[in-house]
Amino acid sequence: MEKILIVGCKKAMDDVCIGCSRCMVGFNRRVGEFERYDKDAEIMGLLNCGDCPGATIVTRLAQVNLWNKPMNEIPTKIHIAPCITDHCPHSEILIKKIKAKAGIEVIEGTHPYKPNDIFA
């Protein structure tokens, strides 16, 4: 079974996205980058980048594994949310850090529900 961790922008997750509902709806409907999963896949967590410029993302990823290992809830895939892939000025370095340290597949993108003017 796939265990999916979604990584998003701290500022967007705290102030704009209202509980990251677009990522959750996209996953539940299996649309966008979530089309690849069958009904048995689960979201095991939502993680923010740690704030600009993502200096703590590697530590935060390690904490996910540390805190969830006793429950056998370790992510098997990481999805980078559109608030990072499409709107973060630090996205290139942030995604590079995640891919270098994750040890699992990292997918850039989640849902297709991207309003063009929400981050303008």
PDB file of N, CA and C in Angstrom:
ATOM      1  N   MET A   1       0.837  -1.182   0.000  1.00  0.00           N
ATOM      2  CA  MET A   1       0.000   0.000   0.000  1.00  0.00           C
ATOM      3  C   MET A   1       0.881   1.244   0.000  1.00  0.00           C
ATOM      4  N   GLU A   2       0.533   2.200  -0.855  1.00  0.00           N
ATOM      5  CA  GLU A   2       1.271   3.459  -0.897  1.00  0.00           C
ATOM      6  C   GLU A   2       0.854   4.341   0.277  1.00  0.00           C
ATOM      7  N   LYS A   3       1.850   4.936   0.919  1.00  0.00           N
ATOM      8  CA  LYS A   3       1.654   5.896   2.005  1.00  0.00           C
ATOM      9  C   LYS A   3       2.211   7.218   1.504  1.00  0.00           C
ATOM     10  N   ILE A   4       1.346   8.189   1.324  1.00  0.00           N
ATOM     11  CA  ILE A   4       1.709   9.434   0.656  1.00  0.00           C
ATOM     12  C   ILE A   4       1.873  10.566   1.657  1.00  0.00           C
ATOM     13  N   LEU A   5       2.989  11.269   1.531  1.00  0.00           N
ATOM     14  CA  LEU A   5       3.251  12.475   2.300  1.00  0.00           C
ATOM     15  C   LEU A   5       3.184  13.645   1.331  1.00  0.00           C
ATOM     16  N   ILE A   6       2.415  14.654   1.668  1.00  0.00           N
ATOM     17  CA  ILE A   6       2.317  15.862   0.849  1.00  0.00           C
ATOM     18  C   ILE A   6       3.116  16.961   1.526  1.00  0.00           C
ATOM     19  N   VAL A   7       4.000  17.611   0.769  1.00  0.00           N
ATOM     20  CA  VAL A   7       4.781  18.729   1.283  1.00  0.00           C
ATOM     21  C   VAL A   7       4.291  19.996   0.598  1.00  0.00           C
ATOM     22  N   GLY A   8       3.942  20.979   1.420  1.00  0.00           N
ATOM     23  CA  GLY A   8       3.458  22.254   0.899  1.00  0.00           C
ATOM     24  C   GLY A   8       4.166  23.431   1.534  1.00  0.00           C
ATOM     25  N   CYS A   9       3.823  24.601   1.063  1.00  0.00           N
ATOM     26  CA  CYS A   9       4.380  25.866   1.547  1.00  0.00           C
ATOM     27  C   CYS A   9       3.752  26.229   2.894  1.00  0.00           C
ATOM     28  N   LYS A  10       4.584  26.532   3.867  1.00  0.00           N
ATOM     29  CA  LYS A  10       4.085  26.888   5.198  1.00  0.00           C
ATOM     30  C   LYS A  10       3.136  28.079   5.145  1.00  0.00           C
ATOM     31  N   LYS A  11       3.527  29.103   4.426  1.00  0.00           N
ATOM     32  CA  LYS A  11       2.687  30.303   4.359  1.00  0.00           C
ATOM     33  C   LYS A  11       1.332  30.001   3.716  1.00  0.00           C
ATOM     34  N   ALA A  12       1.338  29.253   2.633  1.00  0.00           N
ATOM     35  CA  ALA A  12       0.080  28.908   1.967  1.00  0.00           C
ATOM     36  C   ALA A  12      -0.760  27.992   2.847  1.00  0.00           C
ATOM     37  N   MET A  13      -0.124  27.000   3.458  1.00  0.00           N
ATOM     38  CA  MET A  13      -0.869  26.057   4.287  1.00  0.00           C
ATOM     39  C   MET A  13      -1.473  26.741   5.503  1.00  0.00           C
ATOM     40  N   ASP A  14      -0.769  27.713   6.069  1.00  0.00           N
ATOM     41  CA  ASP A  14      -1.263  28.408   7.261  1.00  0.00           C
ATOM     42  C   ASP A  14      -2.281  29.494   6.941  1.00  0.00           C
ATOM     43  N   ASP A  15      -2.109  30.178   5.812  1.00  0.00           N
ATOM     44  CA  ASP A  15      -2.889  31.387   5.580  1.00  0.00           C
ATOM     45  C   ASP A  15      -3.818  31.369   4.368  1.00  0.00           C
ATOM     46  N   VAL A  16      -3.593  30.492   3.401  1.00  0.00           N
ATOM     47  CA  VAL A  16      -4.339  30.560   2.156  1.00  0.00           C
ATOM     48  C   VAL A  16      -5.198  29.322   1.913  1.00  0.00           C
ATOM     49  N   CYS A  17      -4.648  28.158   2.134  1.00  0.00           N
ATOM     50  CA  CYS A  17      -5.215  26.933   1.586  1.00  0.00           C
ATOM     51  C   CYS A  17      -6.353  26.312   2.394  1.00  0.00           C
ATOM     52  N   ILE A  18      -6.645  26.785   3.539  1.00  0.00           N
ATOM     53  CA  ILE A  18      -7.729  26.278   4.370  1.00  0.00           C
ATOM     54  C   ILE A  18      -7.634  24.760   4.522  1.00  0.00           C
ATOM     55  N   GLY A  19      -6.641  24.321   5.236  1.00  0.00           N
ATOM     56  CA  GLY A  19      -6.482  22.901   5.524  1.00  0.00           C
ATOM     57  C   GLY A  19      -6.053  22.075   4.331  1.00  0.00           C
ATOM     58  N   CYS A  20      -5.504  22.726   3.325  1.00  0.00           N
ATOM     59  CA  CYS A  20      -5.016  22.018   2.145  1.00  0.00           C
ATOM     60  C   CYS A  20      -6.118  21.181   1.507  1.00  0.00           C
ATOM     61  N   SER A  21      -7.305  21.721   1.488  1.00  0.00           N
ATOM     62  CA  SER A  21      -8.460  20.976   1.002  1.00  0.00           C
ATOM     63  C   SER A  21      -8.338  20.583  -0.462  1.00  0.00           C
ATOM     64  N   ARG A  22      -7.684  21.382  -1.283  1.00  0.00           N
ATOM     65  CA  ARG A  22      -7.556  21.027  -2.695  1.00  0.00           C
ATOM     66  C   ARG A  22      -6.700  19.779  -2.875  1.00  0.00           C
ATOM     67  N   CYS A  23      -5.635  19.649  -2.111  1.00  0.00           N
ATOM     68  CA  CYS A  23      -4.827  18.429  -2.186  1.00  0.00           C
ATOM     69  C   CYS A  23      -5.636  17.227  -1.708  1.00  0.00           C
ATOM     70  N   MET A  24      -6.384  17.403  -0.641  1.00  0.00           N
ATOM     71  CA  MET A  24      -7.176  16.300  -0.101  1.00  0.00           C
ATOM     72  C   MET A  24      -8.288  15.887  -1.072  1.00  0.00           C
ATOM     73  N   VAL A  25      -8.988  16.862  -1.648  1.00  0.00           N
ATOM     74  CA  VAL A  25     -10.045  16.543  -2.618  1.00  0.00           C
ATOM     75  C   VAL A  25      -9.444  15.876  -3.843  1.00  0.00           C
ATOM     76  N   GLY A  26      -8.323  16.397  -4.332  1.00  0.00           N
ATOM     77  CA  GLY A  26      -7.655  15.788  -5.482  1.00  0.00           C
ATOM     78  C   GLY A  26      -7.278  14.347  -5.209  1.00  0.00           C
ATOM     79  N   PHE A  27      -6.773  14.072  -4.009  1.00  0.00           N
ATOM     80  CA  PHE A  27      -6.432  12.697  -3.653  1.00  0.00           C
ATOM     81  C   PHE A  27      -7.687  11.823  -3.586  1.00  0.00           C
ATOM     82  N   ASN A  28      -8.706  12.303  -2.897  1.00  0.00           N
ATOM     83  CA  ASN A  28      -9.936  11.511  -2.755  1.00  0.00           C
ATOM     84  C   ASN A  28     -10.575  11.191  -4.102  1.00  0.00           C
ATOM     85  N   ARG A  29     -10.469  12.115  -5.048  1.00  0.00           N
ATOM     86  CA  ARG A  29     -11.033  11.902  -6.389  1.00  0.00           C
ATOM     87  C   ARG A  29     -10.058  11.201  -7.325  1.00  0.00           C
ATOM     88  N   ARG A  30      -8.805  11.062  -6.887  1.00  0.00           N
ATOM     89  CA  ARG A  30      -7.740  10.463  -7.696  1.00  0.00           C
ATOM     90  C   ARG A  30      -7.582  11.195  -9.033  1.00  0.00           C
ATOM     91  N   VAL A  31      -7.428  12.511  -8.941  1.00  0.00           N
ATOM     92  CA  VAL A  31      -7.202  13.328 -10.129  1.00  0.00           C
ATOM     93  C   VAL A  31      -5.829  13.985 -10.042  1.00  0.00           C
ATOM     94  N   GLY A  32      -5.400  14.559 -11.154  1.00  0.00           N
ATOM     95  CA  GLY A  32      -4.078  15.176 -11.202  1.00  0.00           C
ATOM     96  C   GLY A  32      -3.001  14.118 -11.021  1.00  0.00           C
ATOM     97  N   GLU A  33      -1.991  14.428 -10.266  1.00  0.00           N
ATOM     98  CA  GLU A  33      -0.889  13.486 -10.033  1.00  0.00           C
ATOM     99  C   GLU A  33      -1.306  12.306  -9.163  1.00  0.00           C
ATOM    100  N   PHE A  34      -2.505  12.368  -8.580  1.00  0.00           N
ATOM    101  CA  PHE A  34      -2.990  11.253  -7.760  1.00  0.00           C
ATOM    102  C   PHE A  34      -3.684  10.170  -8.579  1.00  0.00           C
ATOM    103  N   GLU A  35      -3.817  10.367  -9.884  1.00  0.00           N
ATOM    104  CA  GLU A  35      -4.447   9.350 -10.746  1.00  0.00           C
ATOM    105  C   GLU A  35      -3.713   8.021 -10.692  1.00  0.00           C
ATOM    106  N   ARG A  36      -2.454   8.045 -10.354  1.00  0.00           N
ATOM    107  CA  ARG A  36      -1.615   6.840 -10.363  1.00  0.00           C
ATOM    108  C   ARG A  36      -1.946   5.848  -9.255  1.00  0.00           C
ATOM    109  N   TYR A  37      -2.732   6.251  -8.263  1.00  0.00           N
ATOM    110  CA  TYR A  37      -2.965   5.398  -7.098  1.00  0.00           C
ATOM    111  C   TYR A  37      -4.302   4.673  -7.152  1.00  0.00           C
ATOM    112  N   ASP A  38      -4.284   3.441  -6.614  1.00  0.00           N
ATOM    113  CA  ASP A  38      -5.540   2.701  -6.500  1.00  0.00           C
ATOM    114  C   ASP A  38      -6.228   3.094  -5.191  1.00  0.00           C
ATOM    115  N   LYS A  39      -7.351   2.460  -4.922  1.00  0.00           N
ATOM    116  CA  LYS A  39      -8.164   2.836  -3.765  1.00  0.00           C
ATOM    117  C   LYS A  39      -7.489   2.533  -2.435  1.00  0.00           C
ATOM    118  N   ASP A  40      -6.468   1.700  -2.420  1.00  0.00           N
ATOM    119  CA  ASP A  40      -5.816   1.339  -1.166  1.00  0.00           C
ATOM    120  C   ASP A  40      -4.753   2.340  -0.712  1.00  0.00           C
ATOM    121  N   ALA A  41      -4.372   3.286  -1.548  1.00  0.00           N
ATOM    122  CA  ALA A  41      -3.375   4.281  -1.163  1.00  0.00           C
ATOM    123  C   ALA A  41      -3.948   5.192  -0.077  1.00  0.00           C
ATOM    124  N   GLU A  42      -3.058   5.690   0.775  1.00  0.00           N
ATOM    125  CA  GLU A  42      -3.463   6.576   1.864  1.00  0.00           C
ATOM    126  C   GLU A  42      -2.561   7.793   1.930  1.00  0.00           C
ATOM    127  N   ILE A  43      -3.140   8.906   2.350  1.00  0.00           N
ATOM    128  CA  ILE A  43      -2.319  10.051   2.729  1.00  0.00           C
ATOM    129  C   ILE A  43      -1.956   9.839   4.186  1.00  0.00           C
ATOM    130  N   MET A  44      -0.652   9.792   4.463  1.00  0.00           N
ATOM    131  CA  MET A  44      -0.234   9.576   5.845  1.00  0.00           C
ATOM    132  C   MET A  44       0.210  10.876   6.513  1.00  0.00           C
ATOM    133  N   GLY A  45       0.262  11.956   5.733  1.00  0.00           N
ATOM    134  CA  GLY A  45       0.612  13.218   6.368  1.00  0.00           C
ATOM    135  C   GLY A  45       0.686  14.380   5.406  1.00  0.00           C
ATOM    136  N   LEU A  46       0.542  15.561   5.988  1.00  0.00           N
ATOM    137  CA  LEU A  46       0.766  16.835   5.307  1.00  0.00           C
ATOM    138  C   LEU A  46       1.887  17.522   6.071  1.00  0.00           C
ATOM    139  N   LEU A  47       2.899  17.952   5.363  1.00  0.00           N
ATOM    140  CA  LEU A  47       4.063  18.558   5.993  1.00  0.00           C
ATOM    141  C   LEU A  47       4.345  19.886   5.320  1.00  0.00           C
ATOM    142  N   ASN A  48       4.580  20.920   6.111  1.00  0.00           N
ATOM    143  CA  ASN A  48       4.975  22.174   5.469  1.00  0.00           C
ATOM    144  C   ASN A  48       6.491  22.236   5.373  1.00  0.00           C
ATOM    145  N   CYS A  49       6.964  23.142   4.561  1.00  0.00           N
ATOM    146  CA  CYS A  49       8.392  23.246   4.241  1.00  0.00           C
ATOM    147  C   CYS A  49       9.237  23.762   5.401  1.00  0.00           C
ATOM    148  N   GLY A  50       8.594  24.321   6.425  1.00  0.00           N
ATOM    149  CA  GLY A  50       9.342  24.875   7.541  1.00  0.00           C
ATOM    150  C   GLY A  50       9.551  26.376   7.434  1.00  0.00           C
ATOM    151  N   ASP A  51       8.984  26.992   6.424  1.00  0.00           N
ATOM    152  CA  ASP A  51       9.057  28.431   6.143  1.00  0.00           C
ATOM    153  C   ASP A  51      10.249  28.744   5.243  1.00  0.00           C
ATOM    154  N   CYS A  52      10.191  29.912   4.656  1.00  0.00           N
ATOM    155  CA  CYS A  52      11.196  30.341   3.683  1.00  0.00           C
ATOM    156  C   CYS A  52      12.573  30.431   4.332  1.00  0.00           C
ATOM    157  N   PRO A  53      13.562  29.983   3.641  1.00  0.00           N
ATOM    158  CA  PRO A  53      13.596  29.392   2.301  1.00  0.00           C
ATOM    159  C   PRO A  53      13.622  27.867   2.310  1.00  0.00           C
ATOM    160  N   GLY A  54      12.956  27.251   3.255  1.00  0.00           N
ATOM    161  CA  GLY A  54      12.924  25.783   3.331  1.00  0.00           C
ATOM    162  C   GLY A  54      14.154  25.203   4.001  1.00  0.00           C
ATOM    163  N   ALA A  55      14.774  25.989   4.873  1.00  0.00           N
ATOM    164  CA  ALA A  55      16.028  25.567   5.499  1.00  0.00           C
ATOM    165  C   ALA A  55      15.868  24.349   6.403  1.00  0.00           C
ATOM    166  N   THR A  56      14.652  24.087   6.896  1.00  0.00           N
ATOM    167  CA  THR A  56      14.462  22.973   7.825  1.00  0.00           C
ATOM    168  C   THR A  56      13.776  21.766   7.192  1.00  0.00           C
ATOM    169  N   ILE A  57      13.604  21.752   5.894  1.00  0.00           N
ATOM    170  CA  ILE A  57      12.846  20.666   5.269  1.00  0.00           C
ATOM    171  C   ILE A  57      13.499  19.304   5.484  1.00  0.00           C
ATOM    172  N   VAL A  58      14.807  19.216   5.448  1.00  0.00           N
ATOM    173  CA  VAL A  58      15.478  17.927   5.635  1.00  0.00           C
ATOM    174  C   VAL A  58      15.237  17.414   7.057  1.00  0.00           C
ATOM    175  N   THR A  59      15.341  18.283   8.037  1.00  0.00           N
ATOM    176  CA  THR A  59      15.057  17.912   9.429  1.00  0.00           C
ATOM    177  C   THR A  59      13.607  17.495   9.589  1.00  0.00           C
ATOM    178  N   ARG A  60      12.699  18.214   8.959  1.00  0.00           N
ATOM    179  CA  ARG A  60      11.272  17.904   9.069  1.00  0.00           C
ATOM    180  C   ARG A  60      10.956  16.540   8.440  1.00  0.00           C
ATOM    181  N   LEU A  61      11.589  16.218   7.319  1.00  0.00           N
ATOM    182  CA  LEU A  61      11.398  14.894   6.705  1.00  0.00           C
ATOM    183  C   LEU A  61      11.914  13.788   7.630  1.00  0.00           C
ATOM    184  N   ALA A  62      13.043  14.025   8.273  1.00  0.00           N
ATOM    185  CA  ALA A  62      13.584  13.042   9.217  1.00  0.00           C
ATOM    186  C   ALA A  62      12.634  12.856  10.398  1.00  0.00           C
ATOM    187  N   GLN A  63      12.027  13.936  10.849  1.00  0.00           N
ATOM    188  CA  GLN A  63      11.082  13.839  11.963  1.00  0.00           C
ATOM    189  C   GLN A  63       9.847  13.019  11.594  1.00  0.00           C
ATOM    190  N   VAL A  64       9.388  13.149  10.354  1.00  0.00           N
ATOM    191  CA  VAL A  64       8.246  12.350   9.908  1.00  0.00           C
ATOM    192  C   VAL A  64       8.557  10.869  10.098  1.00  0.00           C
ATOM    193  N   ASN A  65       9.721  10.453   9.666  1.00  0.00           N
ATOM    194  CA  ASN A  65      10.108   9.043   9.799  1.00  0.00           C
ATOM    195  C   ASN A  65      10.293   8.654  11.264  1.00  0.00           C
ATOM    196  N   LEU A  66      10.937   9.504  12.040  1.00  0.00           N
ATOM    197  CA  LEU A  66      11.185   9.213  13.447  1.00  0.00           C
ATOM    198  C   LEU A  66       9.884   9.062  14.225  1.00  0.00           C
ATOM    199  N   TRP A  67       8.982  10.008  14.063  1.00  0.00           N
ATOM    200  CA  TRP A  67       7.738  10.009  14.834  1.00  0.00           C
ATOM    201  C   TRP A  67       6.758   8.939  14.373  1.00  0.00           C
ATOM    202  N   ASN A  68       6.800   8.566  13.117  1.00  0.00           N
ATOM    203  CA  ASN A  68       5.820   7.621  12.586  1.00  0.00           C
ATOM    204  C   ASN A  68       6.308   6.184  12.509  1.00  0.00           C
ATOM    205  N   LYS A  69       7.602   5.960  12.647  1.00  0.00           N
ATOM    206  CA  LYS A  69       8.147   4.607  12.539  1.00  0.00           C
ATOM    207  C   LYS A  69       7.520   3.632  13.539  1.00  0.00           C
ATOM    208  N   PRO A  70       7.313   4.002  14.804  1.00  0.00           N
ATOM    209  CA  PRO A  70       6.697   3.047  15.740  1.00  0.00           C
ATOM    210  C   PRO A  70       5.292   2.601  15.320  1.00  0.00           C
ATOM    211  N   MET A  71       4.623   3.399  14.496  1.00  0.00           N
ATOM    212  CA  MET A  71       3.282   3.052  14.029  1.00  0.00           C
ATOM    213  C   MET A  71       3.312   2.397  12.655  1.00  0.00           C
ATOM    214  N   ASN A  72       4.525   2.200  12.110  1.00  0.00           N
ATOM    215  CA  ASN A  72       4.692   1.657  10.764  1.00  0.00           C
ATOM    216  C   ASN A  72       3.992   2.520   9.714  1.00  0.00           C
ATOM    217  N   GLU A  73       4.127   3.815   9.872  1.00  0.00           N
ATOM    218  CA  GLU A  73       3.516   4.780   8.951  1.00  0.00           C
ATOM    219  C   GLU A  73       4.602   5.621   8.294  1.00  0.00           C
ATOM    220  N   ILE A  74       5.423   4.997   7.520  1.00  0.00           N
ATOM    221  CA  ILE A  74       6.516   5.677   6.825  1.00  0.00           C
ATOM    222  C   ILE A  74       6.068   5.941   5.389  1.00  0.00           C
ATOM    223  N   PRO A  75       6.267   7.170   4.898  1.00  0.00           N
ATOM    224  CA  PRO A  75       5.823   7.445   3.521  1.00  0.00           C
ATOM    225  C   PRO A  75       6.579   6.624   2.496  1.00  0.00           C
ATOM    226  N   THR A  76       5.851   6.255   1.435  1.00  0.00           N
ATOM    227  CA  THR A  76       6.467   5.554   0.310  1.00  0.00           C
ATOM    228  C   THR A  76       6.590   6.464  -0.905  1.00  0.00           C
ATOM    229  N   LYS A  77       5.856   7.568  -0.905  1.00  0.00           N
ATOM    230  CA  LYS A  77       5.924   8.580  -1.973  1.00  0.00           C
ATOM    231  C   LYS A  77       5.742   9.955  -1.332  1.00  0.00           C
ATOM    232  N   ILE A  78       6.404  10.937  -1.911  1.00  0.00           N
ATOM    233  CA  ILE A  78       6.227  12.330  -1.487  1.00  0.00           C
ATOM    234  C   ILE A  78       5.705  13.113  -2.676  1.00  0.00           C
ATOM    235  N   HIS A  79       4.661  13.883  -2.441  1.00  0.00           N
ATOM    236  CA  HIS A  79       4.135  14.794  -3.455  1.00  0.00           C
ATOM    237  C   HIS A  79       4.417  16.218  -3.020  1.00  0.00           C
ATOM    238  N   ILE A  80       4.915  17.019  -3.951  1.00  0.00           N
ATOM    239  CA  ILE A  80       5.159  18.436  -3.692  1.00  0.00           C
ATOM    240  C   ILE A  80       3.945  19.205  -4.213  1.00  0.00           C
ATOM    241  N   ALA A  81       3.295  19.936  -3.337  1.00  0.00           N
ATOM    242  CA  ALA A  81       2.060  20.638  -3.679  1.00  0.00           C
ATOM    243  C   ALA A  81       2.309  21.837  -4.606  1.00  0.00           C
ATOM    244  N   PRO A  82       1.267  22.258  -5.337  1.00  0.00           N
ATOM    245  CA  PRO A  82       1.385  23.394  -6.252  1.00  0.00           C
ATOM    246  C   PRO A  82       1.795  24.703  -5.578  1.00  0.00           C
ATOM    247  N   CYS A  83       1.509  24.843  -4.294  1.00  0.00           N
ATOM    248  CA  CYS A  83       1.927  26.064  -3.605  1.00  0.00           C
ATOM    249  C   CYS A  83       3.448  26.183  -3.591  1.00  0.00           C
ATOM    250  N   ILE A  84       4.147  25.073  -3.759  1.00  0.00           N
ATOM    251  CA  ILE A  84       5.607  25.101  -3.913  1.00  0.00           C
ATOM    252  C   ILE A  84       5.983  25.034  -5.382  1.00  0.00           C
ATOM    253  N   THR A  85       5.479  24.036  -6.116  1.00  0.00           N
ATOM    254  CA  THR A  85       5.931  23.835  -7.497  1.00  0.00           C
ATOM    255  C   THR A  85       5.610  25.022  -8.395  1.00  0.00           C
ATOM    256  N   ASP A  86       4.480  25.679  -8.154  1.00  0.00           N
ATOM    257  CA  ASP A  86       4.041  26.748  -9.055  1.00  0.00           C
ATOM    258  C   ASP A  86       4.232  28.161  -8.513  1.00  0.00           C
ATOM    259  N   HIS A  87       4.436  28.313  -7.197  1.00  0.00           N
ATOM    260  CA  HIS A  87       4.378  29.657  -6.638  1.00  0.00           C
ATOM    261  C   HIS A  87       5.493  30.023  -5.675  1.00  0.00           C
ATOM    262  N   CYS A  88       6.391  29.124  -5.379  1.00  0.00           N
ATOM    263  CA  CYS A  88       7.434  29.390  -4.390  1.00  0.00           C
ATOM    264  C   CYS A  88       8.703  29.909  -5.065  1.00  0.00           C
ATOM    265  N   PRO A  89       9.224  31.041  -4.598  1.00  0.00           N
ATOM    266  CA  PRO A  89      10.474  31.546  -5.185  1.00  0.00           C
ATOM    267  C   PRO A  89      11.682  30.673  -4.835  1.00  0.00           C
ATOM    268  N   HIS A  90      11.525  29.785  -3.864  1.00  0.00           N
ATOM    269  CA  HIS A  90      12.610  28.892  -3.444  1.00  0.00           C
ATOM    270  C   HIS A  90      12.389  27.457  -3.914  1.00  0.00           C
ATOM    271  N   SER A  91      11.434  27.245  -4.820  1.00  0.00           N
ATOM    272  CA  SER A  91      11.030  25.891  -5.194  1.00  0.00           C
ATOM    273  C   SER A  91      12.178  25.042  -5.741  1.00  0.00           C
ATOM    274  N   GLU A  92      13.024  25.609  -6.542  1.00  0.00           N
ATOM    275  CA  GLU A  92      14.088  24.824  -7.162  1.00  0.00           C
ATOM    276  C   GLU A  92      15.005  24.196  -6.116  1.00  0.00           C
ATOM    277  N   ILE A  93      15.480  24.984  -5.175  1.00  0.00           N
ATOM    278  CA  ILE A  93      16.388  24.468  -4.152  1.00  0.00           C
ATOM    279  C   ILE A  93      15.644  23.576  -3.170  1.00  0.00           C
ATOM    280  N   LEU A  94      14.405  23.924  -2.856  1.00  0.00           N
ATOM    281  CA  LEU A  94      13.600  23.128  -1.927  1.00  0.00           C
ATOM    282  C   LEU A  94      13.330  21.724  -2.487  1.00  0.00           C
ATOM    283  N   ILE A  95      12.915  21.658  -3.724  1.00  0.00           N
ATOM    284  CA  ILE A  95      12.644  20.367  -4.359  1.00  0.00           C
ATOM    285  C   ILE A  95      13.937  19.558  -4.504  1.00  0.00           C
ATOM    286  N   LYS A  96      15.022  20.227  -4.808  1.00  0.00           N
ATOM    287  CA  LYS A  96      16.321  19.545  -4.914  1.00  0.00           C
ATOM    288  C   LYS A  96      16.712  18.916  -3.573  1.00  0.00           C
ATOM    289  N   LYS A  97      16.508  19.633  -2.469  1.00  0.00           N
ATOM    290  CA  LYS A  97      16.809  19.099  -1.141  1.00  0.00           C
ATOM    291  C   LYS A  97      15.934  17.889  -0.826  1.00  0.00           C
ATOM    292  N   ILE A  98      14.650  17.998  -1.120  1.00  0.00           N
ATOM    293  CA  ILE A  98      13.727  16.901  -0.831  1.00  0.00           C
ATOM    294  C   ILE A  98      14.124  15.655  -1.622  1.00  0.00           C
ATOM    295  N   LYS A  99      14.389  15.830  -2.905  1.00  0.00           N
ATOM    296  CA  LYS A  99      14.769  14.682  -3.737  1.00  0.00           C
ATOM    297  C   LYS A  99      16.087  14.061  -3.289  1.00  0.00           C
ATOM    298  N   ALA A 100      17.019  14.886  -2.835  1.00  0.00           N
ATOM    299  CA  ALA A 100      18.326  14.379  -2.416  1.00  0.00           C
ATOM    300  C   ALA A 100      18.251  13.594  -1.110  1.00  0.00           C
ATOM    301  N   LYS A 101      17.343  13.951  -0.245  1.00  0.00           N
ATOM    302  CA  LYS A 101      17.303  13.352   1.089  1.00  0.00           C
ATOM    303  C   LYS A 101      16.149  12.395   1.338  1.00  0.00           C
ATOM    304  N   ALA A 102      15.142  12.380   0.478  1.00  0.00           N
ATOM    305  CA  ALA A 102      13.933  11.605   0.760  1.00  0.00           C
ATOM    306  C   ALA A 102      14.160  10.103   0.742  1.00  0.00           C
ATOM    307  N   GLY A 103      14.932   9.608  -0.207  1.00  0.00           N
ATOM    308  CA  GLY A 103      15.138   8.172  -0.319  1.00  0.00           C
ATOM    309  C   GLY A 103      13.951   7.426  -0.913  1.00  0.00           C
ATOM    310  N   ILE A 104      12.939   8.154  -1.351  1.00  0.00           N
ATOM    311  CA  ILE A 104      11.755   7.576  -1.995  1.00  0.00           C
ATOM    312  C   ILE A 104      11.389   8.475  -3.177  1.00  0.00           C
ATOM    313  N   GLU A 105      10.457   8.000  -3.999  1.00  0.00           N
ATOM    314  CA  GLU A 105      10.052   8.799  -5.159  1.00  0.00           C
ATOM    315  C   GLU A 105       9.403  10.106  -4.722  1.00  0.00           C
ATOM    316  N   VAL A 106       9.808  11.181  -5.386  1.00  0.00           N
ATOM    317  CA  VAL A 106       9.245  12.508  -5.140  1.00  0.00           C
ATOM    318  C   VAL A 106       8.543  12.951  -6.418  1.00  0.00           C
ATOM    319  N   ILE A 107       7.265  13.276  -6.296  1.00  0.00           N
ATOM    320  CA  ILE A 107       6.445  13.676  -7.437  1.00  0.00           C
ATOM    321  C   ILE A 107       6.120  15.152  -7.307  1.00  0.00           C
ATOM    322  N   GLU A 108       6.402  15.904  -8.361  1.00  0.00           N
ATOM    323  CA  GLU A 108       6.104  17.332  -8.354  1.00  0.00           C
ATOM    324  C   GLU A 108       4.668  17.537  -8.820  1.00  0.00           C
ATOM    325  N   GLY A 109       3.791  17.841  -7.883  1.00  0.00           N
ATOM    326  CA  GLY A 109       2.391  18.092  -8.184  1.00  0.00           C
ATOM    327  C   GLY A 109       1.457  17.247  -7.349  1.00  0.00           C
ATOM    328  N   THR A 110       0.230  17.735  -7.247  1.00  0.00           N
ATOM    329  CA  THR A 110      -0.819  17.009  -6.528  1.00  0.00           C
ATOM    330  C   THR A 110      -2.107  17.087  -7.338  1.00  0.00           C
ATOM    331  N   HIS A 111      -2.870  18.135  -7.150  1.00  0.00           N
ATOM    332  CA  HIS A 111      -4.205  18.267  -7.739  1.00  0.00           C
ATOM    333  C   HIS A 111      -4.201  19.197  -8.960  1.00  0.00           C
ATOM    334  N   PRO A 112      -5.284  19.165  -9.761  1.00  0.00           N
ATOM    335  CA  PRO A 112      -5.392  20.056 -10.916  1.00  0.00           C
ATOM    336  C   PRO A 112      -6.176  21.333 -10.628  1.00  0.00           C
ATOM    337  N   TYR A 113      -6.586  21.553  -9.390  1.00  0.00           N
ATOM    338  CA  TYR A 113      -7.461  22.684  -9.045  1.00  0.00           C
ATOM    339  C   TYR A 113      -6.626  23.919  -8.724  1.00  0.00           C
ATOM    340  N   LYS A 114      -6.076  24.531  -9.748  1.00  0.00           N
ATOM    341  CA  LYS A 114      -5.143  25.643  -9.547  1.00  0.00           C
ATOM    342  C   LYS A 114      -5.749  26.960 -10.018  1.00  0.00           C
ATOM    343  N   PRO A 115      -6.343  27.724  -9.113  1.00  0.00           N
ATOM    344  CA  PRO A 115      -6.834  29.039  -9.539  1.00  0.00           C
ATOM    345  C   PRO A 115      -5.650  29.934  -9.890  1.00  0.00           C
ATOM    346  N   ASN A 116      -5.728  30.567 -11.028  1.00  0.00           N
ATOM    347  CA  ASN A 116      -4.605  31.346 -11.527  1.00  0.00           C
ATOM    348  C   ASN A 116      -4.272  32.581 -10.715  1.00  0.00           C
ATOM    349  N   ASP A 117      -5.256  33.139 -10.027  1.00  0.00           N
ATOM    350  CA  ASP A 117      -5.006  34.414  -9.352  1.00  0.00           C
ATOM    351  C   ASP A 117      -4.930  34.349  -7.838  1.00  0.00           C
ATOM    352  N   ILE A 118      -5.002  33.165  -7.239  1.00  0.00           N
ATOM    353  CA  ILE A 118      -5.047  33.086  -5.781  1.00  0.00           C
ATOM    354  C   ILE A 118      -3.741  33.520  -5.128  1.00  0.00           C
ATOM    355  N   PHE A 119      -2.605  33.306  -5.769  1.00  0.00           N
ATOM    356  CA  PHE A 119      -1.325  33.687  -5.201  1.00  0.00           C
ATOM    357  C   PHE A 119      -0.773  34.982  -5.786  1.00  0.00           C
ATOM    358  N   ALA A 120      -1.561  35.668  -6.601  1.00  0.00           N
ATOM    359  CA  ALA A 120      -1.094  36.894  -7.264  1.00  0.00           C
ATOM    360  C   ALA A 120      -0.928  38.047  -6.310  1.00  0.00           C
TER     361      ALA A 120
END
